[in-house]
């Protein structure tokens, strides 16, 4: 992957935008801040942040693009094995065989794989990545969904982000959302990245990190 430049309201938002665009975790690319954001006075003189993102090749080597069928099969087999160990009956479907790989598990009564606010699903995806990385001796970006949960959740978050933007604009008061994992916060940041009236940033630490929607 070649280096790219990302423009966003803040440096933090630009980094999260880069994660979503590249399908990489924060530790897998270097960030050079070309220009920091500036709030300005009453919106006058404000400017967006600009960063340069440089993907880091892992010591073991990066997976080629497009991904070979054998690599996709390894990831699918890992998911099948995890489902068997968990005693869950489900079918692993390949949604995308390009980086980042995308899988969806379909079947009946799969709520146990999702968990509260998708926490179990996040853990399943993380474990899958670790095992696949170990087997391939290379880090492979991939996404795991269960019965389309993520898509429905992301669509819902995008609609919520738009609604909150209108509320912030109308009431001229910031709104703090509930704590969300990094991938869901990115959805909100990206949904409002080009909004002329509001901007977003994250506050808090760990599982308590949440998005704040504020006037520009």
Protein backbone atom coordinates (compact mmCIF):
# COMPACT_ATOMS: atom_id res chain seq x y z
CA UNK A 1 0.00 0.00 0.00
CA UNK A 2 1.18 3.52 -0.78
CA UNK A 3 1.06 6.44 1.62
CA UNK A 4 -2.06 8.60 1.54
CA UNK A 5 -3.17 11.94 2.92
CA UNK A 6 -6.34 12.25 4.99
CA UNK A 7 -8.26 15.45 5.70
CA UNK A 8 -10.69 15.69 8.63
CA UNK A 9 -11.91 18.12 11.25
CA UNK A 10 -9.35 16.91 13.82
CA UNK A 11 -6.18 14.82 13.83
CA UNK A 12 -7.94 12.11 15.85
CA UNK A 13 -10.84 11.99 13.41
CA UNK A 14 -8.39 11.80 10.50
CA UNK A 15 -6.67 8.81 12.11
CA UNK A 16 -9.97 6.99 12.65
CA UNK A 17 -10.93 7.82 9.05
CA UNK A 18 -7.63 6.29 7.90
CA UNK A 19 -8.34 3.11 9.87
CA UNK A 20 -11.70 2.73 8.16
CA UNK A 21 -10.39 3.58 4.68
CA UNK A 22 -7.34 1.29 4.84
CA UNK A 23 -8.87 -1.50 6.90
CA UNK A 24 -5.90 -1.29 9.27
CA UNK A 25 -5.51 -0.89 13.02
CA UNK A 26 -3.83 2.22 14.39
CA UNK A 27 -0.60 0.39 15.19
CA UNK A 28 -0.27 -0.77 11.59
CA UNK A 29 0.47 2.61 10.06
CA UNK A 30 2.63 5.62 10.82
CA UNK A 31 1.04 9.05 11.08
CA UNK A 32 2.70 12.31 10.10
CA UNK A 33 0.73 15.41 11.05
CA UNK A 34 1.00 17.80 8.13
CA UNK A 35 -1.35 20.36 9.59
CA UNK A 36 -3.18 20.44 12.93
CA UNK A 37 -6.76 21.58 13.20
CA UNK A 38 -7.64 25.11 14.26
CA UNK A 39 -10.95 26.00 15.84
CA UNK A 40 -10.99 29.68 14.91
CA UNK A 41 -13.33 32.24 16.47
CA UNK A 42 -17.04 31.69 15.87
CA UNK A 43 -16.06 29.47 12.98
CA UNK A 44 -13.92 32.18 11.32
CA UNK A 45 -10.35 31.15 10.62
CA UNK A 46 -10.97 27.48 11.38
CA UNK A 47 -9.20 24.80 9.37
CA UNK A 48 -9.21 21.03 9.07
CA UNK A 49 -6.37 18.76 10.07
CA UNK A 50 -4.26 16.98 7.44
CA UNK A 51 -2.23 13.84 8.11
CA UNK A 52 -0.05 11.56 6.01
CA UNK A 53 -0.59 7.84 6.64
CA UNK A 54 2.14 5.32 5.85
CA UNK A 55 1.18 1.62 6.19
CA UNK A 56 3.74 -0.49 8.03
CA UNK A 57 4.74 -3.82 6.53
CA UNK A 58 4.85 -6.47 9.24
CA UNK A 59 8.15 -8.34 9.76
CA UNK A 60 6.47 -11.53 8.58
CA UNK A 61 5.37 -9.83 5.37
CA UNK A 62 2.08 -8.42 4.21
CA UNK A 63 -0.57 -10.44 2.43
CA UNK A 64 -0.77 -9.74 -1.31
CA UNK A 65 -3.72 -8.12 -3.03
CA UNK A 66 -5.87 -9.67 -4.32
CA UNK A 67 -5.88 -12.35 -1.67
CA UNK A 68 -5.27 -15.91 -2.82
CA UNK A 69 -8.15 -18.35 -2.42
CA UNK A 70 -6.09 -20.47 -0.01
CA UNK A 71 -5.80 -17.51 2.36
CA UNK A 72 -9.56 -16.97 2.34
CA UNK A 73 -10.03 -20.67 3.01
CA UNK A 74 -7.69 -20.53 6.02
CA UNK A 75 -9.71 -17.68 7.56
CA UNK A 76 -13.03 -19.42 6.85
CA UNK A 77 -11.74 -22.67 8.38
CA UNK A 78 -10.66 -20.84 11.51
CA UNK A 79 -14.18 -19.46 11.90
CA UNK A 80 -15.71 -22.90 11.29
CA UNK A 81 -13.47 -24.39 13.98
CA UNK A 82 -14.34 -21.66 16.49
CA UNK A 83 -18.05 -22.19 15.88
CA UNK A 84 -17.63 -25.94 16.45
CA UNK A 85 -15.71 -25.37 19.69
CA UNK A 86 -18.42 -22.99 20.87
CA UNK A 87 -21.12 -25.51 20.04
CA UNK A 88 -22.84 -23.08 17.69
CA UNK A 89 -24.34 -24.17 14.38
CA UNK A 90 -23.74 -21.60 11.69
CA UNK A 91 -22.59 -21.19 8.12
CA UNK A 92 -19.59 -19.02 7.25
CA UNK A 93 -20.14 -16.97 4.10
CA UNK A 94 -17.42 -14.96 2.33
CA UNK A 95 -18.71 -11.45 1.62
CA UNK A 96 -15.41 -10.15 0.23
CA UNK A 97 -12.24 -11.96 -0.82
CA UNK A 98 -10.32 -8.70 -1.16
CA UNK A 99 -8.46 -6.84 1.59
CA UNK A 100 -9.97 -6.42 4.10
CA UNK A 101 -11.62 -9.85 3.99
CA UNK A 102 -15.23 -9.90 5.11
CA UNK A 103 -17.24 -12.83 6.49
CA UNK A 104 -20.80 -13.25 7.70
CA UNK A 105 -22.04 -16.10 9.89
CA UNK A 106 -25.63 -17.09 9.12
CA UNK A 107 -27.99 -19.47 10.88
CA UNK A 108 -30.62 -19.64 13.62
CA UNK A 109 -30.40 -18.28 17.17
CA UNK A 110 -26.99 -16.64 16.74
CA UNK A 111 -27.54 -13.93 19.33
CA UNK A 112 -25.02 -15.65 21.58
CA UNK A 113 -22.31 -14.75 19.05
CA UNK A 114 -23.25 -11.07 19.11
CA UNK A 115 -23.59 -10.36 22.81
CA UNK A 116 -24.42 -7.08 24.52
CA UNK A 117 -23.65 -4.18 22.18
CA UNK A 118 -21.76 -6.59 19.94
CA UNK A 119 -19.07 -7.28 22.53
CA UNK A 120 -19.02 -11.04 21.92
CA UNK A 121 -18.83 -10.48 18.17
CA UNK A 122 -15.90 -8.10 18.64
CA UNK A 123 -14.09 -10.74 20.71
CA UNK A 124 -14.81 -13.43 18.08
CA UNK A 125 -13.39 -11.21 15.35
CA UNK A 126 -10.29 -10.42 17.42
CA UNK A 127 -9.58 -14.08 18.20
CA UNK A 128 -10.09 -14.98 14.54
CA UNK A 129 -7.54 -12.36 13.49
CA UNK A 130 -4.99 -13.65 16.00
CA UNK A 131 -5.30 -17.28 14.89
CA UNK A 132 -5.26 -16.42 11.18
CA UNK A 133 -2.19 -14.22 11.69
CA UNK A 134 -0.41 -17.06 13.46
CA UNK A 135 -1.22 -19.58 10.72
CA UNK A 136 -0.31 -17.29 7.83
CA UNK A 137 2.65 -15.66 9.60
CA UNK A 138 1.31 -12.37 8.31
CA UNK A 139 -1.29 -9.94 9.61
CA UNK A 140 -4.52 -10.11 7.61
CA UNK A 141 -7.19 -7.42 8.02
CA UNK A 142 -10.62 -9.01 8.14
CA UNK A 143 -14.13 -8.37 9.38
CA UNK A 144 -16.55 -10.85 10.91
CA UNK A 145 -20.30 -10.24 11.06
CA UNK A 146 -23.17 -12.35 12.38
CA UNK A 147 -26.48 -12.41 10.49
CA UNK A 148 -25.82 -8.92 9.14
CA UNK A 149 -25.70 -7.40 12.65
CA UNK A 150 -22.89 -4.96 11.87
CA UNK A 151 -24.54 -3.67 8.72
CA UNK A 152 -27.82 -3.02 10.53
CA UNK A 153 -25.96 -1.43 13.42
CA UNK A 154 -23.84 0.75 11.14
CA UNK A 155 -26.90 1.88 9.16
CA UNK A 156 -28.64 2.74 12.43
CA UNK A 157 -25.60 4.70 13.67
CA UNK A 158 -25.42 6.69 10.44
CA UNK A 159 -29.08 7.68 10.76
CA UNK A 160 -28.56 8.53 14.44
CA UNK A 161 -25.51 10.63 13.62
CA UNK A 162 -27.50 12.67 11.08
CA UNK A 163 -30.34 13.16 13.57
CA UNK A 164 -27.97 14.28 16.34
CA UNK A 165 -26.27 16.69 13.96
CA UNK A 166 -29.61 18.39 13.35
CA UNK A 167 -30.29 18.53 17.10
CA UNK A 168 -26.90 20.09 17.79
CA UNK A 169 -27.42 22.61 15.02
CA UNK A 170 -30.93 23.51 16.21
CA UNK A 171 -30.17 23.71 19.94
CA UNK A 172 -26.56 24.90 19.59
CA UNK A 173 -25.48 22.45 22.28
CA UNK A 174 -23.06 19.55 22.10
CA UNK A 175 -24.42 16.01 22.45
CA UNK A 176 -22.41 13.13 23.93
CA UNK A 177 -23.29 9.66 22.65
CA UNK A 178 -23.18 6.41 24.60
CA UNK A 179 -19.85 4.52 24.86
CA UNK A 180 -19.05 2.61 21.68
CA UNK A 181 -16.21 0.42 20.35
CA UNK A 182 -13.73 1.94 17.90
CA UNK A 183 -15.38 0.62 14.72
CA UNK A 184 -18.74 2.15 15.68
CA UNK A 185 -17.16 5.49 16.62
CA UNK A 186 -15.55 5.56 13.18
CA UNK A 187 -18.97 5.19 11.57
CA UNK A 188 -20.20 8.31 13.37
CA UNK A 189 -17.04 10.28 12.59
CA UNK A 190 -17.24 9.37 8.91
CA UNK A 191 -20.98 10.07 8.69
CA UNK A 192 -20.43 13.66 9.87
CA UNK A 193 -16.96 14.25 8.43
CA UNK A 194 -18.26 16.51 5.65
CA UNK A 195 -21.10 18.09 7.60
CA UNK A 196 -20.74 21.89 7.31
CA UNK A 197 -22.42 22.59 10.66
CA UNK A 198 -21.02 20.09 13.15
CA UNK A 199 -17.88 18.14 13.89
CA UNK A 200 -17.05 15.22 16.18
CA UNK A 201 -14.37 14.07 18.59
CA UNK A 202 -13.96 11.22 21.06
CA UNK A 203 -13.56 11.42 24.83
CA UNK A 204 -12.97 8.87 27.58
CA UNK A 205 -10.74 5.82 27.81
CA UNK A 206 -11.12 2.15 26.88
CA UNK A 207 -14.67 0.82 26.91
CA UNK A 208 -15.94 4.20 28.17
CA UNK A 209 -14.79 6.08 25.07
CA UNK A 210 -17.63 7.93 23.37
CA UNK A 211 -18.29 10.39 20.56
CA UNK A 212 -19.21 14.02 21.11
CA UNK A 213 -21.06 15.94 18.39
CA UNK A 214 -20.41 19.71 18.55
CA UNK A 215 -20.96 22.81 16.44
CA UNK A 216 -18.12 23.72 14.11
